[in-house]
Amino acid sequence: MDRGLFYILCGFSFWLGACIASFLNVVIWRVPRGESIVSPPSHCPKCNAPIKWYQNIPILSWLALRGKCANCKAPISPRYILIEALGGVLFLAAFLNCGATYYTPVMWIWISLMIVGSMIDFDHKLLPDFVTVGGMILGVLFSGVNAIVCHSPFLVLNSLVGLAFGFGLLWLIRWLGSKAFKREAMGMGDVFLMGAVGALFGPAVVLMTLILSSVFGSLVGLSMVALSKTKFGKFVEIPYGPYICLGCLTCMFFGSELIDWYLGLMGVR
């Protein structure tokens, strides 16, 4: 690929990710509250003043307004610009990882679903069906397209096995955890989300995601205990969905390196 075109596509990927993440901010705020994501147009939640188009440019507008509403000067959460920047970085990373192929748009859709799901889970401890079930549908449809392009029906089977394995494995862990703790160990949304991971990437990535998400979640949980001075062993409720997404992202971008590192650690060449 021509170097100039490559840089243009890199810039486009980042800017597209930031723009979509700007819309995802609206979805994250409105969907859990049962509000329309279309109407009314973007407005300040404090004074209800409409946000003009030039005040709604991803990243740049927040910086230009210094994180304040142009009308009432109420502070605008820095989370908005952070999510926009995150969307840009992840879209760019997906392009660099997949190149100018049909894989890239699929990964962009999945990244968008994970951003929305993670943020809503953090805020409300729930995962919307359009994220979890939508991810499973996306994975199966993508495997069908991939099977046609690559002339390999096995890819559809791998997706379906991954879906069943991811769903079944986390359902079993949820059931065992609920029995052990005498309370719900995790929500069904997490189970469906792991099914989506399996549908998109297959059973091997489910195992890697499970291990990584458990590590990330445990580190955060222990940090919460340490910072809040809560007694060790006391039940700490944290949303698991964001850590499934973080584990999946790690596998997407560093999966091969992690496998090589692990095999090297085990002395397997």
C-alpha atoms as a PDB file:
ATOM      1  CA  MET A   1       0.000   0.000   0.000  1.00  0.00           C
ATOM      2  CA  ASP A   2       1.214   3.486  -0.827  1.00  0.00           C
ATOM      3  CA  ARG A   3       2.579   5.202   2.279  1.00  0.00           C
ATOM      4  CA  GLY A   4       0.494   8.331   1.742  1.00  0.00           C
ATOM      5  CA  LEU A   5      -2.703   6.293   1.427  1.00  0.00           C
ATOM      6  CA  PHE A   6      -1.738   4.318   4.512  1.00  0.00           C
ATOM      7  CA  TYR A   7      -1.433   7.504   6.595  1.00  0.00           C
ATOM      8  CA  ILE A   8      -4.740   8.802   5.219  1.00  0.00           C
ATOM      9  CA  LEU A   9      -6.475   5.553   6.216  1.00  0.00           C
ATOM     10  CA  CYS A  10      -4.863   5.720   9.663  1.00  0.00           C
ATOM     11  CA  GLY A  11      -6.162   9.254  10.151  1.00  0.00           C
ATOM     12  CA  PHE A  12      -9.577   8.263   8.836  1.00  0.00           C
ATOM     13  CA  SER A  13      -9.731   5.272  11.211  1.00  0.00           C
ATOM     14  CA  PHE A  14      -8.911   7.408  14.231  1.00  0.00           C
ATOM     15  CA  TRP A  15     -11.348  10.166  13.311  1.00  0.00           C
ATOM     16  CA  LEU A  16     -14.138   7.708  12.487  1.00  0.00           C
ATOM     17  CA  GLY A  17     -13.616   6.006  15.837  1.00  0.00           C
ATOM     18  CA  ALA A  18     -13.763   9.331  17.680  1.00  0.00           C
ATOM     19  CA  CYS A  19     -16.950  10.357  15.825  1.00  0.00           C
ATOM     20  CA  ILE A  20     -18.688   7.055  16.503  1.00  0.00           C
ATOM     21  CA  ALA A  21     -17.586   7.172  20.139  1.00  0.00           C
ATOM     22  CA  SER A  22     -19.127  10.643  20.385  1.00  0.00           C
ATOM     23  CA  PHE A  23     -22.441   9.078  19.371  1.00  0.00           C
ATOM     24  CA  LEU A  24     -21.807   6.186  21.747  1.00  0.00           C
ATOM     25  CA  ASN A  25     -21.670   8.729  24.587  1.00  0.00           C
ATOM     26  CA  VAL A  26     -25.290   9.532  23.765  1.00  0.00           C
ATOM     27  CA  VAL A  27     -26.208   5.837  23.696  1.00  0.00           C
ATOM     28  CA  ILE A  28     -24.455   5.213  27.030  1.00  0.00           C
ATOM     29  CA  TRP A  29     -26.370   8.045  28.698  1.00  0.00           C
ATOM     30  CA  ARG A  30     -29.821   7.591  27.167  1.00  0.00           C
ATOM     31  CA  VAL A  31     -30.427   3.861  26.641  1.00  0.00           C
ATOM     32  CA  PRO A  32     -30.393   2.850  30.349  1.00  0.00           C
ATOM     33  CA  ARG A  33     -32.831   5.713  31.031  1.00  0.00           C
ATOM     34  CA  GLY A  34     -35.228   4.579  28.323  1.00  0.00           C
ATOM     35  CA  GLU A  35     -34.675   7.744  26.259  1.00  0.00           C
ATOM     36  CA  SER A  36     -34.526   8.015  22.482  1.00  0.00           C
ATOM     37  CA  ILE A  37     -31.034   8.200  21.011  1.00  0.00           C
ATOM     38  CA  VAL A  38     -32.367  10.354  18.154  1.00  0.00           C
ATOM     39  CA  SER A  39     -34.629  12.940  19.751  1.00  0.00           C
ATOM     40  CA  PRO A  40     -34.134  15.444  21.248  1.00  0.00           C
ATOM     41  CA  PRO A  41     -30.796  16.462  19.690  1.00  0.00           C
ATOM     42  CA  SER A  42     -27.699  16.771  21.869  1.00  0.00           C
ATOM     43  CA  HIS A  43     -28.176  19.266  24.677  1.00  0.00           C
ATOM     44  CA  CYS A  44     -26.640  20.289  27.971  1.00  0.00           C
ATOM     45  CA  PRO A  45     -28.127  18.114  30.753  1.00  0.00           C
ATOM     46  CA  LYS A  46     -27.831  21.076  33.139  1.00  0.00           C
ATOM     47  CA  CYS A  47     -29.484  23.964  31.253  1.00  0.00           C
ATOM     48  CA  ASN A  48     -30.986  21.993  28.314  1.00  0.00           C
ATOM     49  CA  ALA A  49     -29.411  24.401  25.812  1.00  0.00           C
ATOM     50  CA  PRO A  50     -28.980  22.690  22.406  1.00  0.00           C
ATOM     51  CA  ILE A  51     -25.392  21.880  21.460  1.00  0.00           C
ATOM     52  CA  LYS A  52     -24.501  23.397  18.096  1.00  0.00           C
ATOM     53  CA  TRP A  53     -22.692  21.246  15.547  1.00  0.00           C
ATOM     54  CA  TYR A  54     -19.399  23.097  15.975  1.00  0.00           C
ATOM     55  CA  GLN A  55     -19.645  22.529  19.727  1.00  0.00           C
ATOM     56  CA  ASN A  56     -20.038  18.817  19.151  1.00  0.00           C
ATOM     57  CA  ILE A  57     -16.833  18.012  17.231  1.00  0.00           C
ATOM     58  CA  PRO A  58     -15.215  14.976  18.899  1.00  0.00           C
ATOM     59  CA  ILE A  59     -12.278  15.767  21.187  1.00  0.00           C
ATOM     60  CA  LEU A  60     -11.691  19.247  19.715  1.00  0.00           C
ATOM     61  CA  SER A  61     -14.892  20.855  21.017  1.00  0.00           C
ATOM     62  CA  TRP A  62     -14.334  19.640  24.580  1.00  0.00           C
ATOM     63  CA  LEU A  63     -10.814  21.081  24.509  1.00  0.00           C
ATOM     64  CA  ALA A  64     -11.954  24.350  22.937  1.00  0.00           C
ATOM     65  CA  LEU A  65     -14.729  24.758  25.526  1.00  0.00           C
ATOM     66  CA  ARG A  66     -12.310  23.744  28.303  1.00  0.00           C
ATOM     67  CA  GLY A  67     -14.712  21.112  29.496  1.00  0.00           C
ATOM     68  CA  LYS A  68     -17.598  23.509  30.119  1.00  0.00           C
ATOM     69  CA  CYS A  69     -21.021  24.139  28.597  1.00  0.00           C
ATOM     70  CA  ALA A  70     -20.897  27.095  26.195  1.00  0.00           C
ATOM     71  CA  ASN A  71     -24.190  28.398  27.593  1.00  0.00           C
ATOM     72  CA  CYS A  72     -24.265  27.877  31.369  1.00  0.00           C
ATOM     73  CA  LYS A  73     -20.578  27.041  31.948  1.00  0.00           C
ATOM     74  CA  ALA A  74     -21.487  23.860  33.811  1.00  0.00           C
ATOM     75  CA  PRO A  75     -18.632  21.349  33.770  1.00  0.00           C
ATOM     76  CA  ILE A  76     -18.737  18.613  31.135  1.00  0.00           C
ATOM     77  CA  SER A  77     -17.417  15.299  32.401  1.00  0.00           C
ATOM     78  CA  PRO A  78     -13.955  14.451  31.034  1.00  0.00           C
ATOM     79  CA  ARG A  79     -15.321  10.950  30.425  1.00  0.00           C
ATOM     80  CA  TYR A  80     -16.811  12.239  27.162  1.00  0.00           C
ATOM     81  CA  ILE A  81     -13.445  13.148  25.659  1.00  0.00           C
ATOM     82  CA  LEU A  82     -11.817  10.021  27.104  1.00  0.00           C
ATOM     83  CA  ILE A  83     -14.396   7.754  25.417  1.00  0.00           C
ATOM     84  CA  GLU A  84     -13.978   9.674  22.145  1.00  0.00           C
ATOM     85  CA  ALA A  85     -10.196   9.281  22.340  1.00  0.00           C
ATOM     86  CA  LEU A  86     -10.574   5.611  23.274  1.00  0.00           C
ATOM     87  CA  GLY A  87     -12.807   5.017  20.261  1.00  0.00           C
ATOM     88  CA  GLY A  88     -10.272   6.692  17.982  1.00  0.00           C
ATOM     89  CA  VAL A  89      -7.332   4.706  19.376  1.00  0.00           C
ATOM     90  CA  LEU A  90      -9.141   1.351  19.216  1.00  0.00           C
ATOM     91  CA  PHE A  91     -10.436   1.928  15.677  1.00  0.00           C
ATOM     92  CA  LEU A  92      -6.908   2.841  14.592  1.00  0.00           C
ATOM     93  CA  ALA A  93      -5.503  -0.240  16.360  1.00  0.00           C
ATOM     94  CA  ALA A  94      -8.070  -2.449  14.593  1.00  0.00           C
ATOM     95  CA  PHE A  95      -7.062  -1.018  11.226  1.00  0.00           C
ATOM     96  CA  LEU A  96      -3.359  -1.511  11.951  1.00  0.00           C
ATOM     97  CA  ASN A  97      -4.085  -5.073  13.073  1.00  0.00           C
ATOM     98  CA  CYS A  98      -6.466  -6.123  10.268  1.00  0.00           C
ATOM     99  CA  GLY A  99      -5.439  -3.792   7.438  1.00  0.00           C
ATOM    100  CA  ALA A 100      -7.733  -2.710   4.616  1.00  0.00           C
ATOM    101  CA  THR A 101      -9.835  -5.890   4.732  1.00  0.00           C
ATOM    102  CA  TYR A 102     -13.450  -6.731   5.485  1.00  0.00           C
ATOM    103  CA  TYR A 103     -12.303  -7.812   8.973  1.00  0.00           C
ATOM    104  CA  THR A 104     -11.747  -4.207  10.009  1.00  0.00           C
ATOM    105  CA  PRO A 105     -15.383  -2.937   9.859  1.00  0.00           C
ATOM    106  CA  VAL A 106     -16.518  -6.015  11.801  1.00  0.00           C
ATOM    107  CA  MET A 107     -13.934  -5.290  14.495  1.00  0.00           C
ATOM    108  CA  TRP A 108     -15.070  -1.645  14.539  1.00  0.00           C
ATOM    109  CA  ILE A 109     -18.655  -2.750  15.198  1.00  0.00           C
ATOM    110  CA  TRP A 110     -17.529  -5.134  17.948  1.00  0.00           C
ATOM    111  CA  ILE A 111     -15.343  -2.463  19.553  1.00  0.00           C
ATOM    112  CA  SER A 112     -18.310  -0.067  19.540  1.00  0.00           C
ATOM    113  CA  LEU A 113     -20.514  -2.674  21.226  1.00  0.00           C
ATOM    114  CA  MET A 114     -17.855  -3.333  23.863  1.00  0.00           C
ATOM    115  CA  ILE A 115     -17.433   0.367  24.649  1.00  0.00           C
ATOM    116  CA  VAL A 116     -21.190   0.820  25.114  1.00  0.00           C
ATOM    117  CA  GLY A 117     -21.570  -2.394  27.107  1.00  0.00           C
ATOM    118  CA  SER A 118     -18.622  -1.640  29.397  1.00  0.00           C
ATOM    119  CA  MET A 119     -19.711   1.891  30.231  1.00  0.00           C
ATOM    120  CA  ILE A 120     -23.353   0.977  30.840  1.00  0.00           C
ATOM    121  CA  ASP A 121     -22.261  -1.976  32.982  1.00  0.00           C
ATOM    122  CA  PHE A 122     -19.994   0.296  35.023  1.00  0.00           C
ATOM    123  CA  ASP A 123     -22.817   2.786  35.571  1.00  0.00           C
ATOM    124  CA  HIS A 124     -25.850   0.523  35.967  1.00  0.00           C
ATOM    125  CA  LYS A 125     -24.528  -3.034  36.351  1.00  0.00           C
ATOM    126  CA  LEU A 126     -26.386  -4.271  33.294  1.00  0.00           C
ATOM    127  CA  LEU A 127     -25.504  -5.282  29.774  1.00  0.00           C
ATOM    128  CA  PRO A 128     -28.051  -4.369  27.063  1.00  0.00           C
ATOM    129  CA  ASP A 129     -29.291  -7.142  24.794  1.00  0.00           C
ATOM    130  CA  PHE A 130     -28.199  -5.255  21.677  1.00  0.00           C
ATOM    131  CA  VAL A 131     -24.616  -5.589  22.927  1.00  0.00           C
ATOM    132  CA  THR A 132     -24.658  -9.235  24.031  1.00  0.00           C
ATOM    133  CA  VAL A 133     -27.157 -10.848  21.664  1.00  0.00           C
ATOM    134  CA  GLY A 134     -26.071  -8.426  18.941  1.00  0.00           C
ATOM    135  CA  GLY A 135     -22.488  -9.575  19.418  1.00  0.00           C
ATOM    136  CA  MET A 136     -23.487 -13.221  19.038  1.00  0.00           C
ATOM    137  CA  ILE A 137     -25.436 -12.481  15.868  1.00  0.00           C
ATOM    138  CA  LEU A 138     -22.521 -10.442  14.526  1.00  0.00           C
ATOM    139  CA  GLY A 139     -20.133 -13.331  15.199  1.00  0.00           C
ATOM    140  CA  VAL A 140     -22.268 -15.953  13.440  1.00  0.00           C
ATOM    141  CA  LEU A 141     -22.975 -13.697  10.439  1.00  0.00           C
ATOM    142  CA  PHE A 142     -19.294 -12.783  10.152  1.00  0.00           C
ATOM    143  CA  SER A 143     -18.302 -16.449  10.243  1.00  0.00           C
ATOM    144  CA  GLY A 144     -20.770 -17.116   7.416  1.00  0.00           C
ATOM    145  CA  VAL A 145     -19.258 -14.376   5.246  1.00  0.00           C
ATOM    146  CA  ASN A 146     -15.776 -15.530   6.172  1.00  0.00           C
ATOM    147  CA  ALA A 147     -16.650 -19.129   5.277  1.00  0.00           C
ATOM    148  CA  ILE A 148     -17.849 -18.058   1.807  1.00  0.00           C
ATOM    149  CA  VAL A 149     -14.789 -15.894   1.158  1.00  0.00           C
ATOM    150  CA  CYS A 150     -12.319 -18.478   2.464  1.00  0.00           C
ATOM    151  CA  HIS A 151     -14.262 -21.504   1.117  1.00  0.00           C
ATOM    152  CA  SER A 152     -14.191 -23.097   4.577  1.00  0.00           C
ATOM    153  CA  PRO A 153     -17.508 -24.184   6.185  1.00  0.00           C
ATOM    154  CA  PHE A 154     -15.453 -25.074   9.277  1.00  0.00           C
ATOM    155  CA  LEU A 155     -15.412 -21.367  10.188  1.00  0.00           C
ATOM    156  CA  VAL A 156     -19.181 -21.401  10.792  1.00  0.00           C
ATOM    157  CA  LEU A 157     -18.846 -24.518  12.940  1.00  0.00           C
ATOM    158  CA  ASN A 158     -16.005 -22.892  14.887  1.00  0.00           C
ATOM    159  CA  SER A 159     -18.209 -19.856  15.534  1.00  0.00           C
ATOM    160  CA  LEU A 160     -21.151 -21.929  16.731  1.00  0.00           C
ATOM    161  CA  VAL A 161     -18.926 -24.093  18.929  1.00  0.00           C
ATOM    162  CA  GLY A 162     -17.298 -20.944  20.316  1.00  0.00           C
ATOM    163  CA  LEU A 163     -20.711 -19.426  21.054  1.00  0.00           C
ATOM    164  CA  ALA A 164     -21.904 -22.554  22.848  1.00  0.00           C
ATOM    165  CA  PHE A 165     -18.601 -22.968  24.693  1.00  0.00           C
ATOM    166  CA  GLY A 166     -18.413 -19.338  25.838  1.00  0.00           C
ATOM    167  CA  PHE A 167     -22.052 -19.279  26.917  1.00  0.00           C
ATOM    168  CA  GLY A 168     -21.928 -22.706  28.551  1.00  0.00           C
ATOM    169  CA  LEU A 169     -18.623 -22.167  30.366  1.00  0.00           C
ATOM    170  CA  LEU A 170     -19.651 -18.892  31.954  1.00  0.00           C
ATOM    171  CA  TRP A 171     -23.136 -20.214  32.744  1.00  0.00           C
ATOM    172  CA  LEU A 172     -21.489 -23.080  34.631  1.00  0.00           C
ATOM    173  CA  ILE A 173     -19.190 -20.696  36.505  1.00  0.00           C
ATOM    174  CA  ARG A 174     -22.197 -18.499  37.320  1.00  0.00           C
ATOM    175  CA  TRP A 175     -24.157 -21.493  38.603  1.00  0.00           C
ATOM    176  CA  LEU A 176     -21.277 -22.799  40.731  1.00  0.00           C
ATOM    177  CA  GLY A 177     -20.519 -19.321  42.073  1.00  0.00           C
ATOM    178  CA  SER A 178     -24.148 -18.717  42.994  1.00  0.00           C
ATOM    179  CA  LYS A 179     -24.226 -22.020  44.873  1.00  0.00           C
ATOM    180  CA  ALA A 180     -20.978 -21.240  46.690  1.00  0.00           C
ATOM    181  CA  PHE A 181     -21.818 -17.634  47.659  1.00  0.00           C
ATOM    182  CA  LYS A 182     -25.555 -18.237  48.229  1.00  0.00           C
ATOM    183  CA  ARG A 183     -26.270 -15.254  45.975  1.00  0.00           C
ATOM    184  CA  GLU A 184     -26.115 -14.407  42.285  1.00  0.00           C
ATOM    185  CA  ALA A 185     -22.425 -14.545  41.339  1.00  0.00           C
ATOM    186  CA  MET A 186     -22.819 -12.726  38.015  1.00  0.00           C
ATOM    187  CA  GLY A 187     -25.566 -11.562  35.686  1.00  0.00           C
ATOM    188  CA  MET A 188     -26.794 -13.440  32.647  1.00  0.00           C
ATOM    189  CA  GLY A 189     -25.593 -10.514  30.537  1.00  0.00           C
ATOM    190  CA  ASP A 190     -22.007 -11.595  31.260  1.00  0.00           C
ATOM    191  CA  VAL A 191     -22.875 -15.126  30.097  1.00  0.00           C
ATOM    192  CA  PHE A 192     -24.321 -13.838  26.818  1.00  0.00           C
ATOM    193  CA  LEU A 193     -21.315 -11.521  26.373  1.00  0.00           C
ATOM    194  CA  MET A 194     -18.881 -14.422  26.622  1.00  0.00           C
ATOM    195  CA  GLY A 195     -21.036 -16.250  24.102  1.00  0.00           C
ATOM    196  CA  ALA A 196     -20.525 -13.300  21.760  1.00  0.00           C
ATOM    197  CA  VAL A 197     -16.753 -13.517  22.271  1.00  0.00           C
ATOM    198  CA  GLY A 198     -16.880 -17.196  21.337  1.00  0.00           C
ATOM    199  CA  ALA A 199     -19.061 -16.557  18.296  1.00  0.00           C
ATOM    200  CA  LEU A 200     -16.622 -13.968  16.970  1.00  0.00           C
ATOM    201  CA  PHE A 201     -13.290 -15.530  17.837  1.00  0.00           C
ATOM    202  CA  GLY A 202     -13.814 -19.196  18.692  1.00  0.00           C
ATOM    203  CA  PRO A 203     -13.373 -21.333  21.842  1.00  0.00           C
ATOM    204  CA  ALA A 204      -9.621 -20.739  22.258  1.00  0.00           C
ATOM    205  CA  VAL A 205     -10.129 -17.001  22.679  1.00  0.00           C
ATOM    206  CA  VAL A 206     -12.931 -17.700  25.175  1.00  0.00           C
ATOM    207  CA  LEU A 207     -10.421 -19.437  27.447  1.00  0.00           C
ATOM    208  CA  MET A 208      -7.861 -16.656  27.079  1.00  0.00           C
ATOM    209  CA  THR A 209     -10.515 -14.004  27.682  1.00  0.00           C
ATOM    210  CA  LEU A 210     -11.767 -15.826  30.776  1.00  0.00           C
ATOM    211  CA  ILE A 211      -8.264 -15.994  32.257  1.00  0.00           C
ATOM    212  CA  LEU A 212      -7.405 -12.368  31.450  1.00  0.00           C
ATOM    213  CA  SER A 213     -10.758 -10.987  32.583  1.00  0.00           C
ATOM    214  CA  SER A 214     -10.435 -12.870  35.874  1.00  0.00           C
ATOM    215  CA  VAL A 215      -6.969 -11.407  36.416  1.00  0.00           C
ATOM    216  CA  PHE A 216      -8.082  -7.866  35.569  1.00  0.00           C
ATOM    217  CA  GLY A 217     -11.227  -8.149  37.686  1.00  0.00           C
ATOM    218  CA  SER A 218      -9.307  -9.594  40.640  1.00  0.00           C
ATOM    219  CA  LEU A 219      -6.726  -6.814  40.530  1.00  0.00           C
ATOM    220  CA  VAL A 220      -9.450  -4.169  40.513  1.00  0.00           C
ATOM    221  CA  GLY A 221     -11.390  -5.938  43.279  1.00  0.00           C
ATOM    222  CA  LEU A 222      -8.300  -6.211  45.492  1.00  0.00           C
ATOM    223  CA  SER A 223      -7.490  -2.548  44.825  1.00  0.00           C
ATOM    224  CA  MET A 224     -11.030  -1.579  45.855  1.00  0.00           C
ATOM    225  CA  VAL A 225     -10.665  -3.555  49.075  1.00  0.00           C
ATOM    226  CA  ALA A 226      -7.302  -1.934  49.809  1.00  0.00           C
ATOM    227  CA  LEU A 227      -8.463   1.613  49.060  1.00  0.00           C
ATOM    228  CA  SER A 228     -11.778   1.309  50.917  1.00  0.00           C
ATOM    229  CA  LYS A 229     -10.203  -0.568  53.831  1.00  0.00           C
ATOM    230  CA  THR A 230     -12.916  -3.189  53.501  1.00  0.00           C
ATOM    231  CA  LYS A 231     -12.172  -6.413  55.329  1.00  0.00           C
ATOM    232  CA  PHE A 232     -10.592  -9.021  53.091  1.00  0.00           C
ATOM    233  CA  GLY A 233     -13.088 -11.769  52.264  1.00  0.00           C
ATOM    234  CA  LYS A 234     -16.094  -9.470  52.276  1.00  0.00           C
ATOM    235  CA  PHE A 235     -18.164  -9.719  49.090  1.00  0.00           C
ATOM    236  CA  VAL A 236     -17.243  -6.867  46.734  1.00  0.00           C
ATOM    237  CA  GLU A 237     -19.692  -6.377  43.882  1.00  0.00           C
ATOM    238  CA  ILE A 238     -18.095  -5.221  40.647  1.00  0.00           C
ATOM    239  CA  PRO A 239     -19.449  -5.435  37.096  1.00  0.00           C
ATOM    240  CA  TYR A 240     -17.714  -8.244  35.213  1.00  0.00           C
ATOM    241  CA  GLY A 241     -18.655  -7.178  31.681  1.00  0.00           C
ATOM    242  CA  PRO A 242     -15.953  -4.501  31.338  1.00  0.00           C
ATOM    243  CA  TYR A 243     -13.261  -7.017  32.250  1.00  0.00           C
ATOM    244  CA  ILE A 244     -14.565  -9.525  29.716  1.00  0.00           C
ATOM    245  CA  CYS A 245     -14.276  -6.738  27.132  1.00  0.00           C
ATOM    246  CA  LEU A 246     -10.791  -5.795  28.332  1.00  0.00           C
ATOM    247  CA  GLY A 247      -9.697  -9.423  28.191  1.00  0.00           C
ATOM    248  CA  CYS A 248     -11.163  -9.777  24.693  1.00  0.00           C
ATOM    249  CA  LEU A 249      -9.419  -6.606  23.496  1.00  0.00           C
ATOM    250  CA  THR A 250      -6.125  -7.888  24.868  1.00  0.00           C
ATOM    251  CA  CYS A 251      -6.609 -11.134  22.943  1.00  0.00           C
ATOM    252  CA  MET A 252      -7.544  -9.235  19.771  1.00  0.00           C
ATOM    253  CA  PHE A 253      -4.360  -7.188  19.715  1.00  0.00           C
ATOM    254  CA  PHE A 254      -1.830  -9.258  21.685  1.00  0.00           C
ATOM    255  CA  GLY A 255      -3.176 -12.807  21.521  1.00  0.00           C
ATOM    256  CA  SER A 256      -0.304 -14.295  19.508  1.00  0.00           C
ATOM    257  CA  GLU A 257       2.310 -12.613  21.701  1.00  0.00           C
ATOM    258  CA  LEU A 258       0.605 -13.878  24.856  1.00  0.00           C
ATOM    259  CA  ILE A 259       0.489 -17.436  23.530  1.00  0.00           C
ATOM    260  CA  ASP A 260       4.184 -17.302  22.538  1.00  0.00           C
ATOM    261  CA  TRP A 261       5.086 -15.859  25.946  1.00  0.00           C
ATOM    262  CA  TYR A 262       3.121 -18.543  27.767  1.00  0.00           C
ATOM    263  CA  LEU A 263       4.586 -21.384  25.700  1.00  0.00           C
ATOM    264  CA  GLY A 264       8.055 -19.983  26.318  1.00  0.00           C
ATOM    265  CA  LEU A 265       7.328 -19.814  30.049  1.00  0.00           C
ATOM    266  CA  MET A 266       6.292 -23.454  29.962  1.00  0.00           C
ATOM    267  CA  GLY A 267       9.398 -24.380  28.005  1.00  0.00           C
ATOM    268  CA  VAL A 268       7.405 -25.347  24.924  1.00  0.00           C
ATOM    269  CA  ARG A 269       8.888 -24.252  21.570  1.00  0.00           C
END
